[in-house]
PDB file of all heavy atoms in Angstrom:
ATOM      1  N   VAL A   1     111.567 101.683  14.613  1.00  0.00           N
ATOM      2  CA  VAL A   1     112.304 100.519  15.125  1.00  0.00           C
ATOM      3  C   VAL A   1     111.444  99.282  14.917  1.00  0.00           C
ATOM      4  O   VAL A   1     110.236  99.315  15.137  1.00  0.00           O
ATOM      5  CB  VAL A   1     112.622 100.665  16.635  1.00  0.00           C
ATOM      6  CG1 VAL A   1     113.281  99.390  17.173  1.00  0.00           C
ATOM      7  CG2 VAL A   1     113.510 101.875  16.893  1.00  0.00           C
ATOM      8  N   GLU A   2     112.068  98.201  14.485  1.00  0.00           N
ATOM      9  CA  GLU A   2     111.403  96.899  14.432  1.00  0.00           C
ATOM     10  C   GLU A   2     112.409  95.842  14.859  1.00  0.00           C
ATOM     11  O   GLU A   2     113.506  95.757  14.307  1.00  0.00           O
ATOM     12  CB  GLU A   2     110.884  96.598  13.035  1.00  0.00           C
ATOM     13  CG  GLU A   2     110.139  95.270  12.953  1.00  0.00           C
ATOM     14  CD  GLU A   2     109.432  95.051  11.625  1.00  0.00           C
ATOM     15  OE1 GLU A   2     109.299  96.032  10.857  1.00  0.00           O
ATOM     16  OE2 GLU A   2     109.015  93.911  11.341  1.00  0.00           O
ATOM     17  N   LYS A   3     112.040  95.057  15.864  1.00  0.00           N
ATOM     18  CA  LYS A   3     112.949  94.035  16.374  1.00  0.00           C
ATOM     19  C   LYS A   3     112.142  92.874  16.926  1.00  0.00           C
ATOM     20  O   LYS A   3     110.965  93.015  17.293  1.00  0.00           O
ATOM     21  CB  LYS A   3     113.851  94.608  17.460  1.00  0.00           C
ATOM     22  CG  LYS A   3     113.120  95.112  18.692  1.00  0.00           C
ATOM     23  CD  LYS A   3     114.055  95.811  19.667  1.00  0.00           C
ATOM     24  CE  LYS A   3     115.077  94.873  20.246  1.00  0.00           C
ATOM     25  NZ  LYS A   3     115.919  95.531  21.271  1.00  0.00           N
ATOM     26  N   THR A   4     112.792  91.710  16.993  1.00  0.00           N
ATOM     27  CA  THR A   4     112.174  90.511  17.546  1.00  0.00           C
ATOM     28  C   THR A   4     112.958  90.079  18.775  1.00  0.00           C
ATOM     29  O   THR A   4     114.179  89.956  18.729  1.00  0.00           O
ATOM     30  CB  THR A   4     112.156  89.367  16.520  1.00  0.00           C
ATOM     31  OG1 THR A   4     111.448  89.799  15.346  1.00  0.00           O
ATOM     32  CG2 THR A   4     111.467  88.133  17.092  1.00  0.00           C
ATOM     33  N   THR A   5     112.269  89.871  19.883  1.00  0.00           N
ATOM     34  CA  THR A   5     112.904  89.446  21.124  1.00  0.00           C
ATOM     35  C   THR A   5     112.922  87.913  21.203  1.00  0.00           C
ATOM     36  O   THR A   5     112.226  87.240  20.446  1.00  0.00           O
ATOM     37  CB  THR A   5     112.177  90.044  22.337  1.00  0.00           C
ATOM     38  OG1 THR A   5     110.752  89.919  22.156  1.00  0.00           O
ATOM     39  CG2 THR A   5     112.501  91.523  22.487  1.00  0.00           C
ATOM     40  N   PRO A   6     113.745  87.339  22.089  1.00  0.00           N
ATOM     41  CA  PRO A   6     113.893  85.877  22.150  1.00  0.00           C
ATOM     42  C   PRO A   6     112.594  85.105  22.346  1.00  0.00           C
ATOM     43  O   PRO A   6     112.510  83.928  21.982  1.00  0.00           O
ATOM     44  CB  PRO A   6     114.846  85.681  23.335  1.00  0.00           C
ATOM     45  CG  PRO A   6     115.682  86.918  23.354  1.00  0.00           C
ATOM     46  CD  PRO A   6     114.736  88.008  22.960  1.00  0.00           C
ATOM     47  N   ASP A   7     111.572  85.737  22.925  1.00  0.00           N
ATOM     48  CA  ASP A   7     110.306  85.026  23.121  1.00  0.00           C
ATOM     49  C   ASP A   7     109.465  84.978  21.846  1.00  0.00           C
ATOM     50  O   ASP A   7     108.346  84.458  21.842  1.00  0.00           O
ATOM     51  CB  ASP A   7     109.495  85.659  24.250  1.00  0.00           C
ATOM     52  CG  ASP A   7     109.076  87.099  23.952  1.00  0.00           C
ATOM     53  OD1 ASP A   7     109.419  87.630  22.871  1.00  0.00           O
ATOM     54  OD2 ASP A   7     108.406  87.709  24.812  1.00  0.00           O
ATOM     55  N   GLY A   8     110.005  85.516  20.740  1.00  0.00           N
ATOM     56  CA  GLY A   8     109.306  85.488  19.458  1.00  0.00           C
ATOM     57  C   GLY A   8     108.417  86.686  19.201  1.00  0.00           C
ATOM     58  O   GLY A   8     107.829  86.803  18.123  1.00  0.00           O
ATOM     59  N   THR A   9     108.333  87.614  20.146  1.00  0.00           N
ATOM     60  CA  THR A   9     107.491  88.800  19.969  1.00  0.00           C
ATOM     61  C   THR A   9     108.162  89.784  19.016  1.00  0.00           C
ATOM     62  O   THR A   9     109.351  90.093  19.146  1.00  0.00           O
ATOM     63  CB  THR A   9     107.236  89.497  21.316  1.00  0.00           C
ATOM     64  OG1 THR A   9     106.616  88.575  22.214  1.00  0.00           O
ATOM     65  CG2 THR A   9     106.336  90.709  21.137  1.00  0.00           C
ATOM     66  N   VAL A  10     107.402  90.282  18.052  1.00  0.00           N
ATOM     67  CA  VAL A  10     107.877  91.314  17.132  1.00  0.00           C
ATOM     68  C   VAL A  10     107.430  92.667  17.684  1.00  0.00           C
ATOM     69  O   VAL A  10     106.237  92.881  17.937  1.00  0.00           O
ATOM     70  CB  VAL A  10     107.321  91.112  15.713  1.00  0.00           C
ATOM     71  CG1 VAL A  10     107.793  92.237  14.786  1.00  0.00           C
ATOM     72  CG2 VAL A  10     107.747  89.758  15.157  1.00  0.00           C
ATOM     73  N   HIS A  11     108.388  93.551  17.875  1.00  0.00           N
ATOM     74  CA  HIS A  11     108.121  94.880  18.427  1.00  0.00           C
ATOM     75  C   HIS A  11     108.290  95.927  17.316  1.00  0.00           C
ATOM     76  O   HIS A  11     109.334  95.963  16.661  1.00  0.00           O
ATOM     77  CB  HIS A  11     109.086  95.192  19.572  1.00  0.00           C
ATOM     78  CG  HIS A  11     109.062  94.179  20.671  1.00  0.00           C
ATOM     79  ND1 HIS A  11     108.302  94.318  21.807  1.00  0.00           N
ATOM     80  CD2 HIS A  11     109.723  92.985  20.801  1.00  0.00           C
ATOM     81  CE1 HIS A  11     108.488  93.273  22.594  1.00  0.00           C
ATOM     82  NE2 HIS A  11     109.345  92.448  22.005  1.00  0.00           N
ATOM     83  N   LYS A  12     107.273  96.757  17.131  1.00  0.00           N
ATOM     84  CA  LYS A  12     107.336  97.830  16.147  1.00  0.00           C
ATOM     85  C   LYS A  12     107.038  99.155  16.838  1.00  0.00           C
ATOM     86  O   LYS A  12     106.091  99.252  17.618  1.00  0.00           O
ATOM     87  CB  LYS A  12     106.321  97.599  15.025  1.00  0.00           C
ATOM     88  CG  LYS A  12     106.596  96.359  14.182  1.00  0.00           C
ATOM     89  CD  LYS A  12     105.582  96.233  13.041  1.00  0.00           C
ATOM     90  CE  LYS A  12     105.862  95.006  12.181  1.00  0.00           C
ATOM     91  NZ  LYS A  12     104.903  94.917  11.044  1.00  0.00           N
ATOM     92  N   LEU A  13     107.854 100.147  16.523  1.00  0.00           N
ATOM     93  CA  LEU A  13     107.732 101.456  17.170  1.00  0.00           C
ATOM     94  C   LEU A  13     107.729 102.550  16.103  1.00  0.00           C
ATOM     95  O   LEU A  13     108.595 102.571  15.234  1.00  0.00           O
ATOM     96  CB  LEU A  13     108.904 101.672  18.129  1.00  0.00           C
ATOM     97  CG  LEU A  13     108.824 102.882  19.046  1.00  0.00           C
ATOM     98  CD1 LEU A  13     107.896 102.590  20.218  1.00  0.00           C
ATOM     99  CD2 LEU A  13     110.218 103.243  19.571  1.00  0.00           C
ATOM    100  N   TRP A  14     106.726 103.419  16.174  1.00  0.00           N
ATOM    101  CA  TRP A  14     106.647 104.574  15.282  1.00  0.00           C
ATOM    102  C   TRP A  14     106.788 105.855  16.100  1.00  0.00           C
ATOM    103  O   TRP A  14     106.106 106.027  17.116  1.00  0.00           O
ATOM    104  CB  TRP A  14     105.299 104.622  14.561  1.00  0.00           C
ATOM    105  CG  TRP A  14     105.074 103.584  13.521  1.00  0.00           C
ATOM    106  CD1 TRP A  14     105.272 103.688  12.176  1.00  0.00           C
ATOM    107  CD2 TRP A  14     104.534 102.258  13.735  1.00  0.00           C
ATOM    108  NE1 TRP A  14     104.899 102.524  11.542  1.00  0.00           N
ATOM    109  CE2 TRP A  14     104.448 101.625  12.462  1.00  0.00           C
ATOM    110  CE3 TRP A  14     104.131 101.562  14.872  1.00  0.00           C
ATOM    111  CZ2 TRP A  14     103.973 100.329  12.316  1.00  0.00           C
ATOM    112  CZ3 TRP A  14     103.661 100.267  14.730  1.00  0.00           C
ATOM    113  CH2 TRP A  14     103.581  99.656  13.463  1.00  0.00           C
ATOM    114  N   ARG A  15     107.622 106.743  15.650  1.00  0.00           N
ATOM    115  CA  ARG A  15     107.764 108.042  16.298  1.00  0.00           C
ATOM    116  C   ARG A  15     106.705 108.982  15.722  1.00  0.00           C
ATOM    117  O   ARG A  15     106.573 109.120  14.503  1.00  0.00           O
ATOM    118  CB  ARG A  15     109.162 108.602  16.052  1.00  0.00           C
ATOM    119  CG  ARG A  15     109.431 109.946  16.706  1.00  0.00           C
ATOM    120  CD  ARG A  15     110.878 110.368  16.464  1.00  0.00           C
ATOM    121  NE  ARG A  15     111.126 111.667  17.045  1.00  0.00           N
ATOM    122  CZ  ARG A  15     110.852 112.822  16.428  1.00  0.00           C
ATOM    123  NH1 ARG A  15     110.323 112.815  15.208  1.00  0.00           N
ATOM    124  NH2 ARG A  15     111.099 113.978  17.022  1.00  0.00           N
ATOM    125  N   ALA A  16     105.939 109.659  16.579  1.00  0.00           N
ATOM    126  CA  ALA A  16     104.869 110.566  16.152  1.00  0.00           C
ATOM    127  C   ALA A  16     105.094 111.924  16.794  1.00  0.00           C
ATOM    128  O   ALA A  16     104.885 112.091  17.999  1.00  0.00           O
ATOM    129  CB  ALA A  16     103.502 110.002  16.542  1.00  0.00           C
ATOM    130  N   ALA A  17     105.540 112.889  16.000  1.00  0.00           N
ATOM    131  CA  ALA A  17     105.908 114.203  16.532  1.00  0.00           C
ATOM    132  C   ALA A  17     104.881 115.283  16.208  1.00  0.00           C
ATOM    133  O   ALA A  17     105.115 116.460  16.508  1.00  0.00           O
ATOM    134  CB  ALA A  17     107.277 114.615  15.986  1.00  0.00           C
ATOM    135  N   SER A  18     103.757 114.920  15.633  1.00  0.00           N
ATOM    136  CA  SER A  18     102.750 115.907  15.246  1.00  0.00           C
ATOM    137  C   SER A  18     102.182 116.609  16.476  1.00  0.00           C
ATOM    138  O   SER A  18     101.612 115.983  17.372  1.00  0.00           O
ATOM    139  CB  SER A  18     101.621 115.213  14.481  1.00  0.00           C
ATOM    140  OG  SER A  18     100.486 116.041  14.404  1.00  0.00           O
ATOM    141  N   ALA A  19     102.320 117.932  16.503  1.00  0.00           N
ATOM    142  CA  ALA A  19     101.757 118.714  17.612  1.00  0.00           C
ATOM    143  C   ALA A  19     100.239 118.579  17.642  1.00  0.00           C
ATOM    144  O   ALA A  19      99.619 118.581  18.712  1.00  0.00           O
ATOM    145  CB  ALA A  19     102.161 120.179  17.468  1.00  0.00           C
ATOM    146  N   GLU A  20      99.633 118.427  16.465  1.00  0.00           N
ATOM    147  CA  GLU A  20      98.178 118.268  16.395  1.00  0.00           C
ATOM    148  C   GLU A  20      97.758 116.958  17.060  1.00  0.00           C
ATOM    149  O   GLU A  20      96.792 116.925  17.833  1.00  0.00           O
ATOM    150  CB  GLU A  20      97.714 118.281  14.942  1.00  0.00           C
ATOM    151  CG  GLU A  20      96.205 118.134  14.797  1.00  0.00           C
ATOM    152  CD  GLU A  20      95.767 118.115  13.344  1.00  0.00           C
ATOM    153  OE1 GLU A  20      96.641 118.114  12.453  1.00  0.00           O
ATOM    154  OE2 GLU A  20      94.544 118.086  13.100  1.00  0.00           O
ATOM    155  N   LEU A  21      98.478 115.866  16.767  1.00  0.00           N
ATOM    156  CA  LEU A  21      98.156 114.574  17.376  1.00  0.00           C
ATOM    157  C   LEU A  21      98.322 114.624  18.889  1.00  0.00           C
ATOM    158  O   LEU A  21      97.434 114.178  19.641  1.00  0.00           O
ATOM    159  CB  LEU A  21      99.062 113.486  16.793  1.00  0.00           C
ATOM    160  CG  LEU A  21      99.009 112.120  17.494  1.00  0.00           C
ATOM    161  CD1 LEU A  21      97.617 111.522  17.410  1.00  0.00           C
ATOM    162  CD2 LEU A  21     100.057 111.173  16.914  1.00  0.00           C
ATOM    163  N   ILE A  22      99.441 115.172  19.344  1.00  0.00           N
ATOM    164  CA  ILE A  22      99.683 115.244  20.785  1.00  0.00           C
ATOM    165  C   ILE A  22      98.610 116.095  21.465  1.00  0.00           C
ATOM    166  O   ILE A  22      98.117 115.758  22.552  1.00  0.00           O
ATOM    167  CB  ILE A  22     101.101 115.793  21.063  1.00  0.00           C
ATOM    168  CG1 ILE A  22     102.153 114.814  20.529  1.00  0.00           C
ATOM    169  CG2 ILE A  22     101.305 116.025  22.558  1.00  0.00           C
ATOM    170  CD1 ILE A  22     103.584 115.328  20.582  1.00  0.00           C
ATOM    171  N   GLY A  23      98.210 117.177  20.816  1.00  0.00           N
ATOM    172  CA  GLY A  23      97.157 118.021  21.368  1.00  0.00           C
ATOM    173  C   GLY A  23      95.827 117.286  21.475  1.00  0.00           C
ATOM    174  O   GLY A  23      95.114 117.415  22.480  1.00  0.00           O
ATOM    175  N   LYS A  24      95.495 116.506  20.467  1.00  0.00           N
ATOM    176  CA  LYS A  24      94.241 115.742  20.501  1.00  0.00           C
ATOM    177  C   LYS A  24      94.284 114.661  21.581  1.00  0.00           C
ATOM    178  O   LYS A  24      93.278 114.390  22.238  1.00  0.00           O
ATOM    179  CB  LYS A  24      93.974 115.131  19.129  1.00  0.00           C
ATOM    180  CG  LYS A  24      93.547 116.151  18.078  1.00  0.00           C
ATOM    181  CD  LYS A  24      93.279 115.495  16.735  1.00  0.00           C
ATOM    182  CE  LYS A  24      92.788 116.526  15.718  1.00  0.00           C
ATOM    183  NZ  LYS A  24      92.530 115.918  14.383  1.00  0.00           N
ATOM    184  N   LEU A  25      95.444 114.041  21.743  1.00  0.00           N
ATOM    185  CA  LEU A  25      95.584 113.036  22.800  1.00  0.00           C
ATOM    186  C   LEU A  25      95.390 113.694  24.171  1.00  0.00           C
ATOM    187  O   LEU A  25      94.704 113.144  25.038  1.00  0.00           O
ATOM    188  CB  LEU A  25      96.955 112.367  22.727  1.00  0.00           C
ATOM    189  CG  LEU A  25      97.173 111.390  21.572  1.00  0.00           C
ATOM    190  CD1 LEU A  25      98.643 110.999  21.479  1.00  0.00           C
ATOM    191  CD2 LEU A  25      96.304 110.139  21.744  1.00  0.00           C
ATOM    192  N   ARG A  26      95.992 114.839  24.373  1.00  0.00           N
ATOM    193  CA  ARG A  26      95.827 115.559  25.642  1.00  0.00           C
ATOM    194  C   ARG A  26      94.354 115.824  25.932  1.00  0.00           C
ATOM    195  O   ARG A  26      93.851 115.571  27.038  1.00  0.00           O
ATOM    196  CB  ARG A  26      96.552 116.898  25.577  1.00  0.00           C
ATOM    197  CG  ARG A  26      98.033 116.859  25.810  1.00  0.00           C
ATOM    198  CD  ARG A  26      98.520 118.273  25.781  1.00  0.00           C
ATOM    199  NE  ARG A  26      99.953 118.368  25.965  1.00  0.00           N
ATOM    200  CZ  ARG A  26     100.626 119.509  25.830  1.00  0.00           C
ATOM    201  NH1 ARG A  26      99.988 120.620  25.519  1.00  0.00           N
ATOM    202  NH2 ARG A  26     101.927 119.534  26.023  1.00  0.00           N
ATOM    203  N   THR A  27      93.661 116.349  24.942  1.00  0.00           N
ATOM    204  CA  THR A  27      92.254 116.692  25.123  1.00  0.00           C
ATOM    205  C   THR A  27      91.434 115.448  25.439  1.00  0.00           C
ATOM    206  O   THR A  27      90.576 115.462  26.333  1.00  0.00           O
ATOM    207  CB  THR A  27      91.707 117.373  23.856  1.00  0.00           C
ATOM    208  OG1 THR A  27      92.458 118.570  23.612  1.00  0.00           O
ATOM    209  CG2 THR A  27      90.235 117.723  24.020  1.00  0.00           C
TER     210      THR A  27
END
């Protein structure tokens, strides 16, 4: 997702479904 809100902020969102990444974050 990429969108700009009225205050001029650009918002970018990446979906990350890697079980390895989530596991490392948990640890």
